[in-house]
Amino acid sequence: MTALQTPFSLPVRVYWEDTDAGGVVYHARYVAFLERARSEWVRAHGYGQEQLRDLHGLLFAVRDMRLDFRKPARLDDALQVSAVLRECRRASLVFEQAVERDGERLLDARVRVAALDAGGFRPRGIPEALYRELAAQVLPG
């Protein structure tokens, strides 16, 4: 796993499919943007979702999500979606995320993902070696 130890940011462009008839991003699309950023955060640290499943028999699924919508994003906006790991527990991770446009905060999110067994989708602990690697990526708030 690569030690980035810096906030991660993913560029996202707003397309028609992301908006309502008025050209404003539909609220559920933000969830997809946040998911992409978390997935790419994991990939940037050396693990893709498939690799986690194949090497560790592990999946992460959203357990809890809090969103604070501040301002709307609109059609064709260039957004930055960040992901920072704030907590690493034995069977879950907590990310703080944000969506920004030109440095202006549009949304704040706090997302807890639970570790699940890839075969049965049952809760499980994160394997020790992976847990240590993830714990090293926690950035204090």
Protein backbone atom coordinates (compact mmCIF):
# COMPACT_ATOMS: atom_id res chain seq x y z
CA MET A 1 0.00 0.00 0.00
CA THR A 2 1.33 3.43 -0.94
CA ALA A 3 1.62 6.00 1.84
CA LEU A 4 0.03 9.16 0.46
CA GLN A 5 -0.83 10.79 3.82
CA THR A 6 -2.42 13.76 2.03
CA PRO A 7 -6.04 14.59 1.24
CA PHE A 8 -7.15 12.81 -1.93
CA SER A 9 -9.17 14.63 -4.57
CA LEU A 10 -10.93 13.33 -7.68
CA PRO A 11 -11.99 15.64 -10.51
CA VAL A 12 -15.61 15.12 -11.60
CA ARG A 13 -17.44 16.90 -14.42
CA VAL A 14 -21.22 17.38 -14.16
CA TYR A 15 -23.09 15.94 -17.17
CA TRP A 16 -26.76 16.05 -18.21
CA GLU A 17 -27.33 12.63 -16.66
CA ASP A 18 -26.35 14.10 -13.27
CA THR A 19 -28.91 16.90 -13.32
CA ASP A 20 -32.62 17.58 -13.07
CA ALA A 21 -34.57 19.52 -15.70
CA GLY A 22 -33.18 22.79 -14.33
CA GLY A 23 -29.57 21.74 -14.78
CA VAL A 24 -28.97 21.33 -11.02
CA VAL A 25 -27.22 18.18 -9.78
CA TYR A 26 -29.78 15.71 -8.45
CA HIS A 27 -29.06 15.02 -4.75
CA ALA A 28 -28.53 11.25 -5.22
CA ARG A 29 -25.75 11.85 -7.76
CA TYR A 30 -23.57 13.26 -4.99
CA VAL A 31 -23.59 9.78 -3.40
CA ALA A 32 -22.15 8.36 -6.64
CA PHE A 33 -19.48 11.10 -6.76
CA LEU A 34 -18.49 10.32 -3.16
CA GLU A 35 -18.34 6.57 -3.91
CA ARG A 36 -16.02 7.16 -6.85
CA ALA A 37 -13.68 9.25 -4.72
CA ARG A 38 -13.51 6.60 -1.96
CA SER A 39 -12.91 3.86 -4.53
CA GLU A 40 -10.14 5.87 -6.16
CA TRP A 41 -8.67 6.66 -2.73
CA VAL A 42 -8.36 2.91 -2.10
CA ARG A 43 -6.87 2.39 -5.59
CA ALA A 44 -4.35 5.24 -5.04
CA HIS A 45 -3.21 3.40 -1.92
CA GLY A 46 -2.49 0.24 -3.87
CA TYR A 47 -5.78 -1.67 -3.80
CA GLY A 48 -8.64 -1.72 -6.26
CA GLN A 49 -12.00 -3.06 -5.18
CA GLU A 50 -11.41 -6.34 -7.05
CA GLN A 51 -8.00 -6.71 -5.48
CA LEU A 52 -9.46 -6.32 -1.98
CA ARG A 53 -11.98 -9.03 -2.79
CA ASP A 54 -9.48 -11.39 -4.43
CA LEU A 55 -6.53 -10.95 -2.04
CA HIS A 56 -8.37 -10.45 1.24
CA GLY A 57 -11.91 -11.76 0.65
CA LEU A 58 -13.06 -8.32 1.73
CA LEU A 59 -15.63 -5.77 0.62
CA PHE A 60 -16.49 -2.40 2.11
CA ALA A 61 -20.14 -1.33 2.18
CA VAL A 62 -21.60 1.96 3.34
CA ARG A 63 -23.00 1.60 6.85
CA ASP A 64 -23.75 5.21 7.66
CA MET A 65 -23.65 8.46 5.71
CA ARG A 66 -24.25 12.05 6.78
CA LEU A 67 -24.51 14.70 4.09
CA ASP A 68 -24.67 18.47 4.45
CA PHE A 69 -25.77 20.10 1.19
CA ARG A 70 -24.49 23.69 1.18
CA LYS A 71 -24.84 24.91 -2.41
CA PRO A 72 -25.94 23.31 -5.68
CA ALA A 73 -23.64 22.10 -8.43
CA ARG A 74 -24.81 22.70 -11.97
CA LEU A 75 -24.48 21.30 -15.45
CA ASP A 76 -20.89 21.36 -16.78
CA ASP A 77 -19.35 22.33 -13.42
CA ALA A 78 -15.86 20.98 -12.79
CA LEU A 79 -15.93 19.56 -9.26
CA GLN A 80 -13.30 18.24 -6.89
CA VAL A 81 -14.47 15.38 -4.66
CA SER A 82 -12.16 14.71 -1.73
CA ALA A 83 -11.75 11.72 0.56
CA VAL A 84 -9.76 11.67 3.80
CA LEU A 85 -9.58 8.66 6.10
CA ARG A 86 -10.32 9.86 9.64
CA GLU A 87 -10.80 6.58 11.53
CA CYS A 88 -9.68 3.01 11.03
CA ARG A 89 -11.36 0.50 13.31
CA ARG A 90 -11.10 -3.26 13.29
CA ALA A 91 -14.20 -3.68 11.10
CA SER A 92 -14.92 -0.22 9.70
CA LEU A 93 -13.44 2.95 8.22
CA VAL A 94 -14.68 6.52 8.52
CA PHE A 95 -14.09 8.98 5.70
CA GLU A 96 -14.64 12.72 5.66
CA GLN A 97 -15.48 13.89 2.17
CA ALA A 98 -16.31 17.12 0.42
CA VAL A 99 -17.43 18.36 -2.98
CA GLU A 100 -16.01 21.69 -4.09
CA ARG A 101 -16.22 23.92 -7.15
CA ASP A 102 -13.39 26.42 -7.63
CA GLY A 103 -12.51 26.14 -3.95
CA GLU A 104 -16.10 26.74 -2.82
CA ARG A 105 -17.55 24.01 -0.58
CA LEU A 106 -20.80 22.59 -1.97
CA LEU A 107 -21.21 19.51 0.23
CA ASP A 108 -19.70 17.91 3.34
CA ALA A 109 -20.01 14.20 4.06
CA ARG A 110 -19.00 11.75 6.76
CA VAL A 111 -19.17 8.15 5.60
CA ARG A 112 -18.66 4.95 7.63
CA VAL A 113 -17.97 1.83 5.61
CA ALA A 114 -18.18 -1.62 7.16
CA ALA A 115 -15.88 -4.52 6.34
CA LEU A 116 -17.79 -7.50 4.92
CA ASP A 117 -16.81 -11.02 3.94
CA ALA A 118 -16.84 -11.08 0.11
CA GLY A 119 -18.36 -14.56 0.01
CA GLY A 120 -21.30 -14.14 2.37
CA PHE A 121 -21.61 -10.37 2.84
CA ARG A 122 -21.36 -10.84 6.62
CA PRO A 123 -19.51 -8.39 8.89
CA ARG A 124 -15.89 -9.27 9.54
CA GLY A 125 -12.65 -7.79 10.77
CA ILE A 126 -10.12 -6.24 8.45
CA PRO A 127 -7.13 -8.61 8.05
CA GLU A 128 -4.31 -7.53 10.38
CA ALA A 129 -1.73 -6.58 7.71
CA LEU A 130 -4.28 -4.55 5.76
CA TYR A 131 -5.58 -2.98 8.97
CA ARG A 132 -2.07 -1.74 9.83
CA GLU A 133 -1.64 -0.30 6.33
CA LEU A 134 -5.00 1.47 6.47
CA ALA A 135 -4.43 2.75 10.01
CA ALA A 136 -1.22 4.39 8.80
CA GLN A 137 -3.31 6.43 6.34
CA VAL A 138 -5.52 8.08 8.97
CA LEU A 139 -5.21 11.85 8.88
CA PRO A 140 -6.14 13.57 12.15
CA GLY A 141 -8.96 16.07 11.86
